[in-house]
Amino acid sequence: MKTMLIATAAVAVAALGVQGAAAQSLTQPEVYGSLGAGKTSNNKTDADLESLNGRLGAKLTPHFGVEGELALGTKSDVTQSGKYKLTNRKAAYAVGYLPVSPSFDLIGRVGVSDTKLKNHANTPNVEDGQAFDYGVGAQYHFNNAYSVRGDYTRSEFKEGHGDADNVAVSVVRKF
């Protein structure tokens, strides 16, 4: 986990250096929060898990930001290997923005996450643990304060715990 955090920090520092001359000031970042729903599919359990996602982030330049995410499970799924429910997932990301128009951005993000999965059958938890995450998305701005965002994130878990795909839709509020 420490190695992934260091790598993510290095990417963030490099992006900040490139964006240092941008019009938006690091001393006055655009702070935002979002609430949304997500669906996660794990290739080891075949479980489709649903969650409520909250994010808090800061767009430091027009093309770079950081965000933290917390997901809480809302529905369990029964598969051949057991009954699973996402307890929580905590994550930190470096986020890149590509403005396509004044009201539409493409998004890329890379980071790390820590997932807790409850297995009701008391067999080993195959999705528990730390992962390297990466993904893409898009954001449409309704006005200066509200946006809607959709994204896809891939989690590659350590120690053979499988991979997971997460799709999320959220409403974003700029503060």
N, C-alpha and C. Protein backbone atom coordinates (compact mmCIF):
# COMPACT_ATOMS: atom_id res chain seq x y z
N MET A 1 0.83 -1.19 0.00
CA MET A 1 0.00 0.00 0.00
C MET A 1 0.87 1.24 0.00
N LYS A 2 1.95 1.25 0.79
CA LYS A 2 2.83 2.41 0.85
C LYS A 2 3.45 2.69 -0.51
N THR A 3 3.84 1.63 -1.23
CA THR A 3 4.43 1.81 -2.56
C THR A 3 3.43 2.46 -3.50
N MET A 4 2.17 2.02 -3.45
CA MET A 4 1.15 2.60 -4.31
C MET A 4 0.88 4.06 -3.95
N LEU A 5 0.86 4.36 -2.67
CA LEU A 5 0.66 5.75 -2.25
C LEU A 5 1.80 6.64 -2.72
N ILE A 6 3.02 6.14 -2.64
CA ILE A 6 4.18 6.90 -3.10
C ILE A 6 4.10 7.11 -4.61
N ALA A 7 3.72 6.07 -5.35
CA ALA A 7 3.60 6.20 -6.81
C ALA A 7 2.51 7.20 -7.18
N THR A 8 1.38 7.16 -6.48
CA THR A 8 0.31 8.11 -6.75
C THR A 8 0.75 9.53 -6.43
N ALA A 9 1.47 9.70 -5.33
CA ALA A 9 1.98 11.02 -4.98
C ALA A 9 2.97 11.53 -6.02
N ALA A 10 3.79 10.64 -6.55
CA ALA A 10 4.76 11.03 -7.58
C ALA A 10 4.04 11.50 -8.85
N VAL A 11 2.99 10.80 -9.25
CA VAL A 11 2.20 11.22 -10.40
C VAL A 11 1.58 12.58 -10.13
N ALA A 12 1.07 12.79 -8.93
CA ALA A 12 0.45 14.07 -8.57
C ALA A 12 1.47 15.20 -8.62
N VAL A 13 2.66 14.98 -8.09
CA VAL A 13 3.69 16.02 -8.10
C VAL A 13 4.12 16.34 -9.52
N ALA A 14 4.28 15.32 -10.35
CA ALA A 14 4.65 15.55 -11.75
C ALA A 14 3.58 16.35 -12.48
N ALA A 15 2.33 16.00 -12.26
CA ALA A 15 1.23 16.73 -12.91
C ALA A 15 1.16 18.17 -12.42
N LEU A 16 1.41 18.39 -11.15
CA LEU A 16 1.41 19.75 -10.61
C LEU A 16 2.52 20.58 -11.25
N GLY A 17 3.67 19.98 -11.48
CA GLY A 17 4.76 20.71 -12.11
C GLY A 17 4.39 21.13 -13.52
N VAL A 18 3.74 20.25 -14.27
CA VAL A 18 3.31 20.56 -15.63
C VAL A 18 2.24 21.64 -15.61
N GLN A 19 1.37 21.57 -14.63
CA GLN A 19 0.24 22.50 -14.58
C GLN A 19 0.54 23.77 -13.79
N GLY A 20 1.77 23.95 -13.31
CA GLY A 20 2.11 25.08 -12.46
C GLY A 20 1.79 26.43 -13.07
N ALA A 21 1.83 26.53 -14.40
CA ALA A 21 1.59 27.81 -15.05
C ALA A 21 0.12 28.01 -15.39
N ALA A 22 -0.72 27.11 -15.01
CA ALA A 22 -2.15 27.20 -15.35
C ALA A 22 -2.79 28.38 -14.64
N ALA A 23 -3.93 28.82 -15.20
CA ALA A 23 -4.62 30.00 -14.68
C ALA A 23 -5.18 29.77 -13.28
N GLN A 24 -5.68 28.59 -13.01
CA GLN A 24 -6.27 28.31 -11.70
C GLN A 24 -5.15 28.20 -10.67
N SER A 25 -5.33 28.80 -9.54
CA SER A 25 -4.30 28.85 -8.52
C SER A 25 -4.41 27.68 -7.56
N LEU A 26 -3.26 27.14 -7.15
CA LEU A 26 -3.27 26.06 -6.16
C LEU A 26 -3.74 26.57 -4.81
N THR A 27 -3.66 27.87 -4.59
CA THR A 27 -4.11 28.43 -3.32
C THR A 27 -5.63 28.58 -3.28
N GLN A 28 -6.29 28.50 -4.44
CA GLN A 28 -7.76 28.60 -4.49
C GLN A 28 -8.32 27.48 -5.36
N PRO A 29 -8.23 26.24 -4.91
CA PRO A 29 -8.74 25.13 -5.72
C PRO A 29 -10.26 25.13 -5.76
N GLU A 30 -10.81 24.49 -6.78
CA GLU A 30 -12.25 24.26 -6.87
C GLU A 30 -12.56 23.03 -6.01
N VAL A 31 -13.24 23.21 -4.91
CA VAL A 31 -13.58 22.09 -4.02
C VAL A 31 -14.97 21.58 -4.40
N TYR A 32 -15.12 20.26 -4.43
CA TYR A 32 -16.41 19.67 -4.80
C TYR A 32 -16.69 18.44 -3.96
N GLY A 33 -17.95 18.09 -3.92
CA GLY A 33 -18.39 16.87 -3.27
C GLY A 33 -19.40 16.20 -4.18
N SER A 34 -19.56 14.91 -4.05
CA SER A 34 -20.55 14.20 -4.87
C SER A 34 -21.17 13.05 -4.09
N LEU A 35 -22.39 12.73 -4.48
CA LEU A 35 -23.10 11.56 -3.98
C LEU A 35 -23.61 10.79 -5.17
N GLY A 36 -23.50 9.47 -5.09
CA GLY A 36 -23.94 8.66 -6.21
C GLY A 36 -24.12 7.21 -5.85
N ALA A 37 -24.40 6.44 -6.87
CA ALA A 37 -24.61 5.01 -6.72
C ALA A 37 -23.61 4.27 -7.59
N GLY A 38 -23.16 3.12 -7.10
CA GLY A 38 -22.19 2.33 -7.85
C GLY A 38 -22.55 0.86 -7.87
N LYS A 39 -22.03 0.18 -8.87
CA LYS A 39 -22.20 -1.27 -8.96
C LYS A 39 -20.83 -1.87 -9.23
N THR A 40 -20.44 -2.83 -8.40
CA THR A 40 -19.13 -3.46 -8.49
C THR A 40 -19.29 -4.93 -8.82
N SER A 41 -18.52 -5.41 -9.79
CA SER A 41 -18.49 -6.83 -10.15
C SER A 41 -17.08 -7.35 -9.92
N ASN A 42 -16.97 -8.43 -9.15
CA ASN A 42 -15.68 -9.03 -8.86
C ASN A 42 -15.52 -10.31 -9.66
N ASN A 43 -14.37 -10.48 -10.33
CA ASN A 43 -14.19 -11.65 -11.18
C ASN A 43 -13.94 -12.93 -10.40
N LYS A 44 -13.61 -12.85 -9.13
CA LYS A 44 -13.36 -14.07 -8.34
C LYS A 44 -14.61 -14.61 -7.67
N THR A 45 -15.52 -13.71 -7.31
CA THR A 45 -16.73 -14.15 -6.61
C THR A 45 -17.95 -14.18 -7.51
N ASP A 46 -17.88 -13.53 -8.66
CA ASP A 46 -19.03 -13.32 -9.55
C ASP A 46 -20.14 -12.53 -8.88
N ALA A 47 -19.83 -11.84 -7.80
CA ALA A 47 -20.82 -11.06 -7.08
C ALA A 47 -20.98 -9.69 -7.72
N ASP A 48 -22.22 -9.23 -7.83
CA ASP A 48 -22.54 -7.88 -8.27
C ASP A 48 -23.03 -7.12 -7.05
N LEU A 49 -22.21 -6.20 -6.58
CA LEU A 49 -22.48 -5.50 -5.32
C LEU A 49 -22.81 -4.04 -5.59
N GLU A 50 -23.80 -3.53 -4.87
CA GLU A 50 -24.22 -2.14 -5.05
C GLU A 50 -23.77 -1.31 -3.86
N SER A 51 -23.55 -0.01 -4.12
CA SER A 51 -23.05 0.86 -3.06
C SER A 51 -23.56 2.28 -3.24
N LEU A 52 -23.48 3.02 -2.14
CA LEU A 52 -23.70 4.45 -2.12
C LEU A 52 -22.31 5.07 -2.01
N ASN A 53 -21.97 5.96 -2.95
CA ASN A 53 -20.62 6.51 -3.01
C ASN A 53 -20.63 7.99 -2.68
N GLY A 54 -19.67 8.42 -1.89
CA GLY A 54 -19.46 9.84 -1.61
C GLY A 54 -18.02 10.19 -1.93
N ARG A 55 -17.84 11.35 -2.56
CA ARG A 55 -16.50 11.81 -2.91
C ARG A 55 -16.33 13.25 -2.46
N LEU A 56 -15.10 13.55 -2.10
CA LEU A 56 -14.72 14.93 -1.79
C LEU A 56 -13.41 15.17 -2.52
N GLY A 57 -13.37 16.25 -3.30
CA GLY A 57 -12.19 16.48 -4.11
C GLY A 57 -11.85 17.94 -4.27
N ALA A 58 -10.71 18.18 -4.86
CA ALA A 58 -10.25 19.53 -5.17
C ALA A 58 -9.63 19.52 -6.55
N LYS A 59 -10.16 20.37 -7.43
CA LYS A 59 -9.59 20.56 -8.76
C LYS A 59 -8.55 21.66 -8.61
N LEU A 60 -7.28 21.27 -8.63
CA LEU A 60 -6.19 22.19 -8.33
C LEU A 60 -5.81 23.08 -9.51
N THR A 61 -5.95 22.55 -10.72
CA THR A 61 -5.71 23.29 -11.95
C THR A 61 -6.83 22.90 -12.91
N PRO A 62 -6.93 23.52 -14.07
CA PRO A 62 -7.98 23.10 -15.01
C PRO A 62 -7.84 21.65 -15.48
N HIS A 63 -6.64 21.05 -15.31
CA HIS A 63 -6.42 19.70 -15.82
C HIS A 63 -6.03 18.68 -14.75
N PHE A 64 -5.95 19.07 -13.48
CA PHE A 64 -5.50 18.13 -12.46
C PHE A 64 -6.19 18.39 -11.12
N GLY A 65 -6.51 17.29 -10.42
CA GLY A 65 -7.08 17.39 -9.09
C GLY A 65 -6.83 16.12 -8.29
N VAL A 66 -7.33 16.12 -7.08
CA VAL A 66 -7.25 14.96 -6.20
C VAL A 66 -8.63 14.73 -5.59
N GLU A 67 -8.93 13.48 -5.26
CA GLU A 67 -10.20 13.21 -4.59
C GLU A 67 -10.11 11.98 -3.72
N GLY A 68 -10.95 11.98 -2.69
CA GLY A 68 -11.10 10.83 -1.82
C GLY A 68 -12.50 10.29 -2.01
N GLU A 69 -12.66 9.00 -1.81
CA GLU A 69 -13.95 8.35 -2.03
C GLU A 69 -14.24 7.38 -0.89
N LEU A 70 -15.50 7.33 -0.50
CA LEU A 70 -15.98 6.35 0.46
C LEU A 70 -17.23 5.71 -0.12
N ALA A 71 -17.24 4.39 -0.20
CA ALA A 71 -18.40 3.65 -0.70
C ALA A 71 -18.90 2.74 0.42
N LEU A 72 -20.21 2.75 0.62
CA LEU A 72 -20.85 1.87 1.60
C LEU A 72 -21.81 0.94 0.88
N GLY A 73 -21.72 -0.35 1.17
CA GLY A 73 -22.57 -1.33 0.51
C GLY A 73 -24.03 -1.17 0.85
N THR A 74 -24.88 -1.39 -0.15
CA THR A 74 -26.33 -1.25 0.05
C THR A 74 -27.09 -2.54 -0.21
N LYS A 75 -26.50 -3.49 -0.93
CA LYS A 75 -27.22 -4.72 -1.28
C LYS A 75 -26.22 -5.86 -1.39
N SER A 76 -26.58 -7.02 -0.88
CA SER A 76 -25.71 -8.19 -0.99
C SER A 76 -26.09 -9.00 -2.23
N ASP A 77 -25.22 -9.95 -2.59
CA ASP A 77 -25.46 -10.81 -3.74
C ASP A 77 -25.08 -12.24 -3.37
N VAL A 78 -25.87 -13.18 -3.83
CA VAL A 78 -25.61 -14.60 -3.57
C VAL A 78 -25.07 -15.23 -4.85
N THR A 79 -23.91 -15.89 -4.72
CA THR A 79 -23.30 -16.60 -5.85
C THR A 79 -23.03 -18.04 -5.42
N GLN A 80 -22.43 -18.81 -6.29
CA GLN A 80 -22.11 -20.20 -5.95
C GLN A 80 -21.10 -20.29 -4.83
N SER A 81 -20.27 -19.26 -4.68
CA SER A 81 -19.24 -19.32 -3.64
C SER A 81 -19.65 -18.66 -2.33
N GLY A 82 -20.86 -18.11 -2.24
CA GLY A 82 -21.31 -17.52 -0.99
C GLY A 82 -22.18 -16.30 -1.19
N LYS A 83 -22.53 -15.68 -0.05
CA LYS A 83 -23.32 -14.46 -0.05
C LYS A 83 -22.39 -13.32 0.35
N TYR A 84 -22.29 -12.29 -0.49
CA TYR A 84 -21.32 -11.22 -0.30
C TYR A 84 -22.03 -9.87 -0.18
N LYS A 85 -21.41 -8.99 0.61
CA LYS A 85 -21.87 -7.61 0.71
C LYS A 85 -20.65 -6.72 0.92
N LEU A 86 -20.62 -5.61 0.16
CA LEU A 86 -19.57 -4.63 0.35
C LEU A 86 -19.80 -3.93 1.68
N THR A 87 -18.85 -4.01 2.59
CA THR A 87 -18.95 -3.28 3.84
C THR A 87 -18.57 -1.83 3.59
N ASN A 88 -17.36 -1.60 3.06
CA ASN A 88 -16.94 -0.25 2.67
C ASN A 88 -15.73 -0.33 1.77
N ARG A 89 -15.51 0.76 1.05
CA ARG A 89 -14.31 0.92 0.24
C ARG A 89 -13.85 2.37 0.41
N LYS A 90 -12.59 2.54 0.78
CA LYS A 90 -11.99 3.87 0.91
C LYS A 90 -10.92 3.98 -0.16
N ALA A 91 -10.86 5.16 -0.81
CA ALA A 91 -9.90 5.31 -1.90
C ALA A 91 -9.40 6.75 -1.99
N ALA A 92 -8.22 6.90 -2.59
CA ALA A 92 -7.64 8.21 -2.88
C ALA A 92 -7.15 8.19 -4.32
N TYR A 93 -7.42 9.27 -5.05
CA TYR A 93 -7.10 9.32 -6.47
C TYR A 93 -6.45 10.63 -6.89
N ALA A 94 -5.58 10.54 -7.88
CA ALA A 94 -5.13 11.69 -8.66
C ALA A 94 -6.06 11.71 -9.87
N VAL A 95 -6.61 12.87 -10.20
CA VAL A 95 -7.61 12.97 -11.26
C VAL A 95 -7.13 13.93 -12.35
N GLY A 96 -7.23 13.49 -13.60
CA GLY A 96 -6.91 14.33 -14.74
C GLY A 96 -8.19 14.72 -15.46
N TYR A 97 -8.27 15.98 -15.90
CA TYR A 97 -9.46 16.49 -16.59
C TYR A 97 -9.07 16.94 -17.99
N LEU A 98 -9.88 16.59 -18.98
CA LEU A 98 -9.71 17.06 -20.33
C LEU A 98 -11.00 17.79 -20.72
N PRO A 99 -11.00 19.14 -20.63
CA PRO A 99 -12.21 19.88 -21.00
C PRO A 99 -12.46 19.77 -22.50
N VAL A 100 -13.62 19.22 -22.87
CA VAL A 100 -14.00 19.08 -24.27
C VAL A 100 -14.77 20.31 -24.71
N SER A 101 -15.57 20.84 -23.80
CA SER A 101 -16.32 22.07 -24.03
C SER A 101 -16.49 22.74 -22.66
N PRO A 102 -17.04 23.96 -22.62
CA PRO A 102 -17.23 24.59 -21.30
C PRO A 102 -18.14 23.79 -20.36
N SER A 103 -18.97 22.91 -20.91
CA SER A 103 -19.89 22.16 -20.06
C SER A 103 -19.62 20.66 -20.02
N PHE A 104 -18.51 20.19 -20.60
CA PHE A 104 -18.27 18.75 -20.66
C PHE A 104 -16.77 18.45 -20.50
N ASP A 105 -16.44 17.55 -19.55
CA ASP A 105 -15.06 17.13 -19.31
C ASP A 105 -14.95 15.62 -19.43
N LEU A 106 -13.84 15.15 -19.97
CA LEU A 106 -13.46 13.75 -19.85
C LEU A 106 -12.54 13.65 -18.65
N ILE A 107 -12.61 12.52 -17.94
CA ILE A 107 -11.88 12.36 -16.68
C ILE A 107 -11.08 11.06 -16.72
N GLY A 108 -9.89 11.10 -16.17
CA GLY A 108 -9.09 9.91 -15.94
C GLY A 108 -8.62 9.96 -14.50
N ARG A 109 -8.53 8.81 -13.85
CA ARG A 109 -8.06 8.82 -12.47
C ARG A 109 -7.26 7.57 -12.17
N VAL A 110 -6.32 7.73 -11.24
CA VAL A 110 -5.47 6.62 -10.81
C VAL A 110 -5.27 6.78 -9.31
N GLY A 111 -5.26 5.66 -8.61
CA GLY A 111 -5.08 5.75 -7.16
C GLY A 111 -5.05 4.39 -6.49
N VAL A 112 -5.34 4.42 -5.20
CA VAL A 112 -5.32 3.21 -4.38
C VAL A 112 -6.61 3.13 -3.58
N SER A 113 -7.00 1.89 -3.25
CA SER A 113 -8.21 1.70 -2.46
C SER A 113 -8.00 0.58 -1.44
N ASP A 114 -8.87 0.58 -0.45
CA ASP A 114 -8.90 -0.47 0.56
C ASP A 114 -10.35 -0.90 0.70
N THR A 115 -10.62 -2.16 0.42
CA THR A 115 -11.99 -2.68 0.38
C THR A 115 -12.22 -3.70 1.48
N LYS A 116 -13.38 -3.59 2.11
CA LYS A 116 -13.82 -4.58 3.09
C LYS A 116 -15.09 -5.23 2.55
N LEU A 117 -15.05 -6.53 2.43
CA LEU A 117 -16.17 -7.30 1.89
C LEU A 117 -16.62 -8.32 2.93
N LYS A 118 -17.90 -8.38 3.18
CA LYS A 118 -18.43 -9.36 4.13
C LYS A 118 -18.92 -10.57 3.34
N ASN A 119 -18.43 -11.74 3.77
CA ASN A 119 -18.84 -13.00 3.18
C ASN A 119 -19.66 -13.74 4.23
N HIS A 120 -20.94 -13.86 4.01
CA HIS A 120 -21.84 -14.46 5.00
C HIS A 120 -21.60 -15.95 5.21
N ALA A 121 -20.89 -16.59 4.27
CA ALA A 121 -20.65 -18.03 4.39
C ALA A 121 -19.41 -18.35 5.22
N ASN A 122 -18.75 -17.31 5.74
CA ASN A 122 -17.54 -17.46 6.56
C ASN A 122 -16.40 -18.18 5.83
N THR A 123 -16.39 -18.08 4.50
CA THR A 123 -15.24 -18.57 3.74
C THR A 123 -14.29 -17.39 3.56
N PRO A 124 -13.06 -17.64 3.14
CA PRO A 124 -12.10 -16.53 3.03
C PRO A 124 -12.63 -15.39 2.17
N ASN A 125 -12.39 -14.16 2.62
CA ASN A 125 -12.80 -12.98 1.86
C ASN A 125 -11.86 -12.80 0.68
N VAL A 126 -12.39 -12.89 -0.52
CA VAL A 126 -11.54 -12.84 -1.70
C VAL A 126 -11.38 -11.43 -2.24
N GLU A 127 -12.19 -10.47 -1.81
CA GLU A 127 -12.04 -9.11 -2.31
C GLU A 127 -11.51 -8.17 -1.23
N ASP A 128 -11.39 -8.64 -0.03
CA ASP A 128 -10.82 -7.79 1.02
C ASP A 128 -9.43 -7.35 0.64
N GLY A 129 -9.11 -6.13 0.94
CA GLY A 129 -7.72 -5.74 0.81
C GLY A 129 -7.49 -4.52 -0.04
N GLN A 130 -6.21 -4.33 -0.32
CA GLN A 130 -5.75 -3.14 -1.01
C GLN A 130 -5.64 -3.40 -2.50
N ALA A 131 -5.89 -2.33 -3.26
CA ALA A 131 -5.87 -2.46 -4.71
C ALA A 131 -5.30 -1.22 -5.36
N PHE A 132 -4.77 -1.40 -6.55
CA PHE A 132 -4.38 -0.31 -7.43
C PHE A 132 -5.58 -0.05 -8.34
N ASP A 133 -6.06 1.19 -8.39
CA ASP A 133 -7.25 1.54 -9.16
C ASP A 133 -6.91 2.49 -10.30
N TYR A 134 -7.62 2.34 -11.41
CA TYR A 134 -7.51 3.28 -12.52
C TYR A 134 -8.84 3.29 -13.26
N GLY A 135 -9.15 4.42 -13.88
CA GLY A 135 -10.42 4.49 -14.57
C GLY A 135 -10.60 5.74 -15.40
N VAL A 136 -11.75 5.79 -16.08
CA VAL A 136 -12.11 6.90 -16.95
C VAL A 136 -13.56 7.29 -16.69
N GLY A 137 -13.91 8.49 -17.13
CA GLY A 137 -15.27 8.93 -16.95
C GLY A 137 -15.54 10.21 -17.72
N ALA A 138 -16.73 10.73 -17.51
CA ALA A 138 -17.14 11.98 -18.15
C ALA A 138 -18.02 12.75 -17.17
N GLN A 139 -17.99 14.07 -17.32
CA GLN A 139 -18.76 14.93 -16.42
C GLN A 139 -19.43 16.03 -17.24
N TYR A 140 -20.74 16.19 -17.05
CA TYR A 140 -21.49 17.25 -17.72
C TYR A 140 -21.90 18.29 -16.69
N HIS A 141 -21.58 19.56 -16.95
CA HIS A 141 -21.88 20.66 -16.04
C HIS A 141 -23.21 21.30 -16.43
N PHE A 142 -24.19 21.23 -15.54
CA PHE A 142 -25.48 21.88 -15.79
C PHE A 142 -25.35 23.39 -15.65
N ASN A 143 -24.58 23.81 -14.67
CA ASN A 143 -24.34 25.24 -14.41
C ASN A 143 -23.01 25.33 -13.65
N ASN A 144 -22.73 26.45 -13.06
CA ASN A 144 -21.46 26.65 -12.36
C ASN A 144 -21.36 25.84 -11.06
N ALA A 145 -22.48 25.34 -10.55
CA ALA A 145 -22.46 24.63 -9.27
C ALA A 145 -22.72 23.13 -9.37
N TYR A 146 -23.54 22.68 -10.32
CA TYR A 146 -23.95 21.27 -10.37
C TYR A 146 -23.52 20.57 -11.66
N SER A 147 -23.14 19.32 -11.49
CA SER A 147 -22.75 18.47 -12.61
C SER A 147 -23.27 17.07 -12.37
N VAL A 148 -23.29 16.28 -13.42
CA VAL A 148 -23.54 14.84 -13.31
C VAL A 148 -22.31 14.14 -13.87
N ARG A 149 -21.91 13.06 -13.21
CA ARG A 149 -20.67 12.37 -13.57
C ARG A 149 -20.92 10.88 -13.65
N GLY A 150 -20.35 10.26 -14.66
CA GLY A 150 -20.37 8.81 -14.79
C GLY A 150 -18.94 8.35 -14.95
N ASP A 151 -18.59 7.24 -14.29
CA ASP A 151 -17.22 6.75 -14.44
C ASP A 151 -17.13 5.25 -14.26
N TYR A 152 -16.03 4.72 -14.78
CA TYR A 152 -15.68 3.32 -14.67
C TYR A 152 -14.31 3.25 -14.00
N THR A 153 -14.19 2.38 -12.99
CA THR A 153 -12.92 2.21 -12.30
C THR A 153 -12.60 0.72 -12.19
N ARG A 154 -11.37 0.37 -12.49
CA ARG A 154 -10.89 -1.02 -12.38
C ARG A 154 -10.01 -1.09 -11.14
N SER A 155 -10.24 -2.09 -10.29
CA SER A 155 -9.43 -2.34 -9.10
C SER A 155 -8.68 -3.65 -9.29
N GLU A 156 -7.37 -3.60 -9.15
CA GLU A 156 -6.54 -4.81 -9.23
C GLU A 156 -6.01 -5.08 -7.83
N PHE A 157 -6.58 -6.10 -7.19
CA PHE A 157 -6.26 -6.41 -5.80
C PHE A 157 -4.92 -7.13 -5.69
N LYS A 158 -4.28 -6.92 -4.55
CA LYS A 158 -3.02 -7.58 -4.25
C LYS A 158 -3.28 -9.02 -3.83
N GLU A 159 -2.22 -9.82 -3.89
CA GLU A 159 -2.19 -11.17 -3.33
C GLU A 159 -3.26 -12.10 -3.90
N GLY A 160 -3.55 -11.98 -5.20
CA GLY A 160 -4.46 -12.91 -5.85
C GLY A 160 -5.91 -12.81 -5.43
N HIS A 161 -6.32 -11.65 -4.94
CA HIS A 161 -7.70 -11.47 -4.49
C HIS A 161 -8.64 -11.10 -5.63
N GLY A 162 -8.16 -11.13 -6.86
CA GLY A 162 -9.02 -10.87 -7.99
C GLY A 162 -9.00 -9.42 -8.43
N ASP A 163 -9.86 -9.15 -9.39
CA ASP A 163 -10.04 -7.81 -9.92
C ASP A 163 -11.51 -7.45 -9.81
N ALA A 164 -11.79 -6.15 -9.78
CA ALA A 164 -13.18 -5.70 -9.71
C ALA A 164 -13.38 -4.54 -10.67
N ASP A 165 -14.56 -4.49 -11.26
CA ASP A 165 -14.98 -3.40 -12.13
C ASP A 165 -16.09 -2.65 -11.43
N ASN A 166 -15.96 -1.32 -11.37
CA ASN A 166 -16.96 -0.49 -10.71
C ASN A 166 -17.47 0.55 -11.68
N VAL A 167 -18.79 0.66 -11.78
CA VAL A 167 -19.44 1.70 -12.58
C VAL A 167 -20.24 2.55 -11.61
N ALA A 168 -20.11 3.88 -11.73
CA ALA A 168 -20.79 4.78 -10.80
C ALA A 168 -21.38 5.97 -11.55
N VAL A 169 -22.50 6.45 -11.05
CA VAL A 169 -23.13 7.68 -11.53
C VAL A 169 -23.36 8.54 -10.30
N SER A 170 -23.00 9.83 -10.40
CA SER A 170 -23.14 10.69 -9.23
C SER A 170 -23.49 12.13 -9.63
N VAL A 171 -24.05 12.83 -8.65
CA VAL A 171 -24.32 14.25 -8.79
C VAL A 171 -23.21 14.98 -8.04
N VAL A 172 -22.61 15.96 -8.70
CA VAL A 172 -21.47 16.69 -8.17
C VAL A 172 -21.90 18.12 -7.82
N ARG A 173 -21.47 18.59 -6.67
CA ARG A 173 -21.75 19.97 -6.23
C ARG A 173 -20.44 20.67 -5.95
N LYS A 174 -20.21 21.77 -6.65
CA LYS A 174 -19.02 22.59 -6.44
C LYS A 174 -19.29 23.56 -5.28
N PHE A 175 -18.31 23.73 -4.37
CA PHE A 175 -18.48 24.62 -3.23
C PHE A 175 -17.77 25.94 -3.45
